[in-house]
C-alpha atoms as a PDB file:
ATOM      1  CA  UNK A   1      -8.003  14.658  13.782  1.00  0.00           C
ATOM      2  CA  UNK A   2      -8.220  11.900  11.159  1.00  0.00           C
ATOM      3  CA  UNK A   3      -6.756   8.438  11.899  1.00  0.00           C
ATOM      4  CA  UNK A   4      -3.650   9.095   9.777  1.00  0.00           C
ATOM      5  CA  UNK A   5      -2.786  12.268  11.599  1.00  0.00           C
ATOM      6  CA  UNK A   6      -3.452  10.592  14.952  1.00  0.00           C
ATOM      7  CA  UNK A   7      -1.141   7.685  14.187  1.00  0.00           C
ATOM      8  CA  UNK A   8       1.592   9.954  12.898  1.00  0.00           C
ATOM      9  CA  UNK A   9       1.172  12.234  15.914  1.00  0.00           C
ATOM     10  CA  UNK A  10       1.592   9.174  18.148  1.00  0.00           C
ATOM     11  CA  UNK A  11       4.779   8.384  16.225  1.00  0.00           C
ATOM     12  CA  UNK A  12       5.956  11.954  16.793  1.00  0.00           C
ATOM     13  CA  UNK A  13       5.253  11.753  20.526  1.00  0.00           C
ATOM     14  CA  UNK A  14       7.245   8.516  20.736  1.00  0.00           C
ATOM     15  CA  UNK A  15      10.095  10.115  18.817  1.00  0.00           C
ATOM     16  CA  UNK A  16      10.091  13.160  21.073  1.00  0.00           C
ATOM     17  CA  UNK A  17      10.497  11.055  24.202  1.00  0.00           C
ATOM     18  CA  UNK A  18      14.061   9.878  23.414  1.00  0.00           C
ATOM     19  CA  UNK A  19      12.684   6.740  21.808  1.00  0.00           C
ATOM     20  CA  UNK A  20      14.029   7.998  18.508  1.00  0.00           C
ATOM     21  CA  UNK A  21      17.662   7.930  19.648  1.00  0.00           C
ATOM     22  CA  UNK A  22      17.351   4.401  21.013  1.00  0.00           C
ATOM     23  CA  UNK A  23      15.591   3.082  17.897  1.00  0.00           C
ATOM     24  CA  UNK A  24      18.124   4.685  15.547  1.00  0.00           C
ATOM     25  CA  UNK A  25      20.982   3.169  17.565  1.00  0.00           C
ATOM     26  CA  UNK A  26      19.359  -0.270  17.408  1.00  0.00           C
ATOM     27  CA  UNK A  27      18.766   0.039  13.649  1.00  0.00           C
ATOM     28  CA  UNK A  28      22.405   0.897  13.026  1.00  0.00           C
ATOM     29  CA  UNK A  29      23.742  -1.791  15.394  1.00  0.00           C
ATOM     30  CA  UNK A  30      22.298  -4.581  13.267  1.00  0.00           C
ATOM     31  CA  UNK A  31      19.317  -6.887  13.288  1.00  0.00           C
ATOM     32  CA  UNK A  32      17.403  -6.934  16.539  1.00  0.00           C
ATOM     33  CA  UNK A  33      14.916  -9.396  17.914  1.00  0.00           C
ATOM     34  CA  UNK A  34      11.497  -8.993  16.275  1.00  0.00           C
ATOM     35  CA  UNK A  35       9.240  -6.655  18.246  1.00  0.00           C
ATOM     36  CA  UNK A  36       6.524  -8.136  20.411  1.00  0.00           C
ATOM     37  CA  UNK A  37       2.966  -6.983  19.891  1.00  0.00           C
ATOM     38  CA  UNK A  38       1.749  -5.246  23.073  1.00  0.00           C
ATOM     39  CA  UNK A  39      -1.383  -7.314  23.660  1.00  0.00           C
ATOM     40  CA  UNK A  40      -2.387 -10.969  23.536  1.00  0.00           C
ATOM     41  CA  UNK A  41      -3.792 -12.116  20.218  1.00  0.00           C
ATOM     42  CA  UNK A  42      -7.542 -12.629  19.851  1.00  0.00           C
ATOM     43  CA  UNK A  43      -7.036 -14.080  16.387  1.00  0.00           C
ATOM     44  CA  UNK A  44      -4.337 -16.372  15.016  1.00  0.00           C
ATOM     45  CA  UNK A  45      -1.104 -14.631  14.120  1.00  0.00           C
ATOM     46  CA  UNK A  46      -0.076 -13.740  10.626  1.00  0.00           C
ATOM     47  CA  UNK A  47       3.172 -12.287   9.344  1.00  0.00           C
ATOM     48  CA  UNK A  48       3.751  -8.977   7.641  1.00  0.00           C
ATOM     49  CA  UNK A  49       6.805  -8.136   5.555  1.00  0.00           C
ATOM     50  CA  UNK A  50       7.233  -4.347   5.622  1.00  0.00           C
ATOM     51  CA  UNK A  51       9.385  -2.529   3.084  1.00  0.00           C
ATOM     52  CA  UNK A  52       9.913   1.222   3.013  1.00  0.00           C
ATOM     53  CA  UNK A  53      10.332   2.856  -0.390  1.00  0.00           C
ATOM     54  CA  UNK A  54      12.101   6.198  -0.653  1.00  0.00           C
ATOM     55  CA  UNK A  55      13.786   7.987  -3.545  1.00  0.00           C
ATOM     56  CA  UNK A  56      16.892   8.349  -1.369  1.00  0.00           C
ATOM     57  CA  UNK A  57      19.691   6.136  -2.656  1.00  0.00           C
ATOM     58  CA  UNK A  58      21.822   6.150   0.480  1.00  0.00           C
ATOM     59  CA  UNK A  59      25.269   4.631   0.450  1.00  0.00           C
ATOM     60  CA  UNK A  60      25.273   4.414   4.247  1.00  0.00           C
ATOM     61  CA  UNK A  61      22.825   2.493   6.373  1.00  0.00           C
ATOM     62  CA  UNK A  62      19.878   4.861   6.745  1.00  0.00           C
ATOM     63  CA  UNK A  63      17.695   4.229   9.804  1.00  0.00           C
ATOM     64  CA  UNK A  64      13.927   3.999   9.512  1.00  0.00           C
ATOM     65  CA  UNK A  65      11.502   4.081  12.432  1.00  0.00           C
ATOM     66  CA  UNK A  66       8.349   2.063  11.737  1.00  0.00           C
ATOM     67  CA  UNK A  67       5.231   2.130  13.890  1.00  0.00           C
ATOM     68  CA  UNK A  68       2.178  -0.088  13.733  1.00  0.00           C
ATOM     69  CA  UNK A  69      -1.244   0.552  15.245  1.00  0.00           C
ATOM     70  CA  UNK A  70      -4.413  -1.461  15.063  1.00  0.00           C
ATOM     71  CA  UNK A  71      -7.213   0.464  13.361  1.00  0.00           C
ATOM     72  CA  UNK A  72      -9.005   2.532  15.978  1.00  0.00           C
ATOM     73  CA  UNK A  73      -6.289   2.115  18.621  1.00  0.00           C
ATOM     74  CA  UNK A  74      -4.449   5.019  20.226  1.00  0.00           C
ATOM     75  CA  UNK A  75      -1.382   2.927  21.061  1.00  0.00           C
ATOM     76  CA  UNK A  76       0.926   0.745  19.043  1.00  0.00           C
ATOM     77  CA  UNK A  77       4.501  -0.363  18.779  1.00  0.00           C
ATOM     78  CA  UNK A  78       7.576   1.240  17.226  1.00  0.00           C
ATOM     79  CA  UNK A  79      10.649  -0.581  15.973  1.00  0.00           C
ATOM     80  CA  UNK A  80      13.801   0.185  14.001  1.00  0.00           C
ATOM     81  CA  UNK A  81      14.657  -0.884  10.488  1.00  0.00           C
ATOM     82  CA  UNK A  82      17.166   0.066   7.803  1.00  0.00           C
ATOM     83  CA  UNK A  83      16.145   1.616   4.493  1.00  0.00           C
ATOM     84  CA  UNK A  84      16.204  -1.038   1.781  1.00  0.00           C
ATOM     85  CA  UNK A  85      15.735  -3.952   4.195  1.00  0.00           C
ATOM     86  CA  UNK A  86      12.493  -5.824   4.808  1.00  0.00           C
ATOM     87  CA  UNK A  87      11.145  -6.116   8.357  1.00  0.00           C
ATOM     88  CA  UNK A  88       9.262  -9.345   9.118  1.00  0.00           C
ATOM     89  CA  UNK A  89       6.840  -9.204  12.060  1.00  0.00           C
ATOM     90  CA  UNK A  90       4.275 -11.620  13.489  1.00  0.00           C
ATOM     91  CA  UNK A  91       0.998  -9.891  14.409  1.00  0.00           C
ATOM     92  CA  UNK A  92      -2.523 -10.929  15.322  1.00  0.00           C
ATOM     93  CA  UNK A  93      -4.727 -10.969  12.220  1.00  0.00           C
ATOM     94  CA  UNK A  94      -6.579  -7.721  11.528  1.00  0.00           C
ATOM     95  CA  UNK A  95      -6.356  -4.238  10.027  1.00  0.00           C
ATOM     96  CA  UNK A  96      -3.413  -1.991  10.886  1.00  0.00           C
ATOM     97  CA  UNK A  97      -1.984   1.406  10.100  1.00  0.00           C
ATOM     98  CA  UNK A  98       1.772   1.580   9.532  1.00  0.00           C
ATOM     99  CA  UNK A  99       3.879   4.727   9.469  1.00  0.00           C
ATOM    100  CA  UNK A 100       7.564   5.188   8.679  1.00  0.00           C
ATOM    101  CA  UNK A 101      10.085   7.964   9.296  1.00  0.00           C
ATOM    102  CA  UNK A 102      13.426   7.988   7.450  1.00  0.00           C
ATOM    103  CA  UNK A 103      15.939   9.902   9.556  1.00  0.00           C
ATOM    104  CA  UNK A 104      19.523  11.085   9.314  1.00  0.00           C
ATOM    105  CA  UNK A 105      20.738  10.937  12.930  1.00  0.00           C
ATOM    106  CA  UNK A 106      24.032  12.711  12.243  1.00  0.00           C
ATOM    107  CA  UNK A 107      22.401  15.847  10.872  1.00  0.00           C
ATOM    108  CA  UNK A 108      19.161  15.441  12.863  1.00  0.00           C
ATOM    109  CA  UNK A 109      17.043  15.685   9.710  1.00  0.00           C
ATOM    110  CA  UNK A 110      13.813  14.006   8.744  1.00  0.00           C
ATOM    111  CA  UNK A 111      14.357  12.745   5.213  1.00  0.00           C
ATOM    112  CA  UNK A 112      10.979  11.133   4.646  1.00  0.00           C
ATOM    113  CA  UNK A 113       7.656  10.279   6.223  1.00  0.00           C
ATOM    114  CA  UNK A 114       4.856   8.051   4.951  1.00  0.00           C
ATOM    115  CA  UNK A 115       2.072   5.694   5.914  1.00  0.00           C
ATOM    116  CA  UNK A 116       0.036   2.785   4.629  1.00  0.00           C
ATOM    117  CA  UNK A 117      -2.929   0.652   5.663  1.00  0.00           C
ATOM    118  CA  UNK A 118      -2.343  -3.068   5.867  1.00  0.00           C
ATOM    119  CA  UNK A 119      -4.420  -6.138   6.507  1.00  0.00           C
ATOM    120  CA  UNK A 120      -2.819  -9.114   8.203  1.00  0.00           C
ATOM    121  CA  UNK A 121      -4.323 -12.449   7.240  1.00  0.00           C
ATOM    122  CA  UNK A 122      -4.233 -15.144   9.927  1.00  0.00           C
ATOM    123  CA  UNK A 123      -1.598 -17.810   9.273  1.00  0.00           C
ATOM    124  CA  UNK A 124      -0.350 -16.060   6.110  1.00  0.00           C
ATOM    125  CA  UNK A 125       2.420 -13.694   5.082  1.00  0.00           C
ATOM    126  CA  UNK A 126       1.207 -10.302   3.889  1.00  0.00           C
ATOM    127  CA  UNK A 127       3.505  -7.862   2.072  1.00  0.00           C
ATOM    128  CA  UNK A 128       3.313  -4.152   2.902  1.00  0.00           C
ATOM    129  CA  UNK A 129       5.012  -1.274   1.140  1.00  0.00           C
ATOM    130  CA  UNK A 130       5.197   2.101   2.888  1.00  0.00           C
ATOM    131  CA  UNK A 131       6.043   4.849   0.409  1.00  0.00           C
ATOM    132  CA  UNK A 132       7.746   7.812   2.062  1.00  0.00           C
ATOM    133  CA  UNK A 133       8.112  11.325   0.704  1.00  0.00           C
ATOM    134  CA  UNK A 134      10.055  14.363   1.772  1.00  0.00           C
ATOM    135  CA  UNK A 135       8.085  16.129   4.532  1.00  0.00           C
ATOM    136  CA  UNK A 136       6.908  19.701   4.255  1.00  0.00           C
ATOM    137  CA  UNK A 137       6.871  22.314   7.022  1.00  0.00           C
ATOM    138  CA  UNK A 138       3.027  22.203   7.323  1.00  0.00           C
ATOM    139  CA  UNK A 139       3.136  18.414   7.786  1.00  0.00           C
ATOM    140  CA  UNK A 140       5.807  18.754  10.481  1.00  0.00           C
ATOM    141  CA  UNK A 141       3.700  21.348  12.312  1.00  0.00           C
ATOM    142  CA  UNK A 142       0.490  19.308  11.980  1.00  0.00           C
ATOM    143  CA  UNK A 143       2.164  16.217  13.439  1.00  0.00           C
ATOM    144  CA  UNK A 144       3.631  18.113  16.370  1.00  0.00           C
ATOM    145  CA  UNK A 145       7.207  17.018  15.741  1.00  0.00           C
ATOM    146  CA  UNK A 146       8.578  19.259  18.479  1.00  0.00           C
ATOM    147  CA  UNK A 147      10.535  18.723  21.685  1.00  0.00           C
ATOM    148  CA  UNK A 148       9.025  19.577  25.070  1.00  0.00           C
ATOM    149  CA  UNK A 149      10.585  23.052  24.938  1.00  0.00           C
ATOM    150  CA  UNK A 150       8.880  23.786  21.581  1.00  0.00           C
ATOM    151  CA  UNK A 151      11.949  23.521  19.361  1.00  0.00           C
ATOM    152  CA  UNK A 152      11.648  21.360  16.242  1.00  0.00           C
ATOM    153  CA  UNK A 153      12.592  17.726  16.687  1.00  0.00           C
ATOM    154  CA  UNK A 154      14.047  17.581  13.157  1.00  0.00           C
ATOM    155  CA  UNK A 155      15.277  19.863  10.437  1.00  0.00           C
ATOM    156  CA  UNK A 156      13.786  19.219   7.020  1.00  0.00           C
END
């Protein structure tokens, strides 16, 4: 499994464990406190400004679930955002892999999924754009976006 698939599979596992519902609720409730990185920093912190780009021109607030993992790590952190808004996060300097899922909670559909590599410079602000595209059935199957009983987590 390549690093991209592994990170997206980790995102899928988080989503399948009811984390998705909580993150979507937090995204729609308004701005939350910035997420905390799960480990102490070995290098000085930098800031990343993450934007998610999708062809969807939603009139309503569309929730986005963003995950970040350090390169080579099997864990990371997930946090909510809203499509069209920029998330600003302080992270230890280094290389990361970011993934984003655009969801429609009312219809339980996955509207987009994408990923991007980013490098956080210590004591600087780094922009990051995650382009998302409409998912295909093979991508959904490869990522394991299924509930514990085997039913699909999302419709596409």
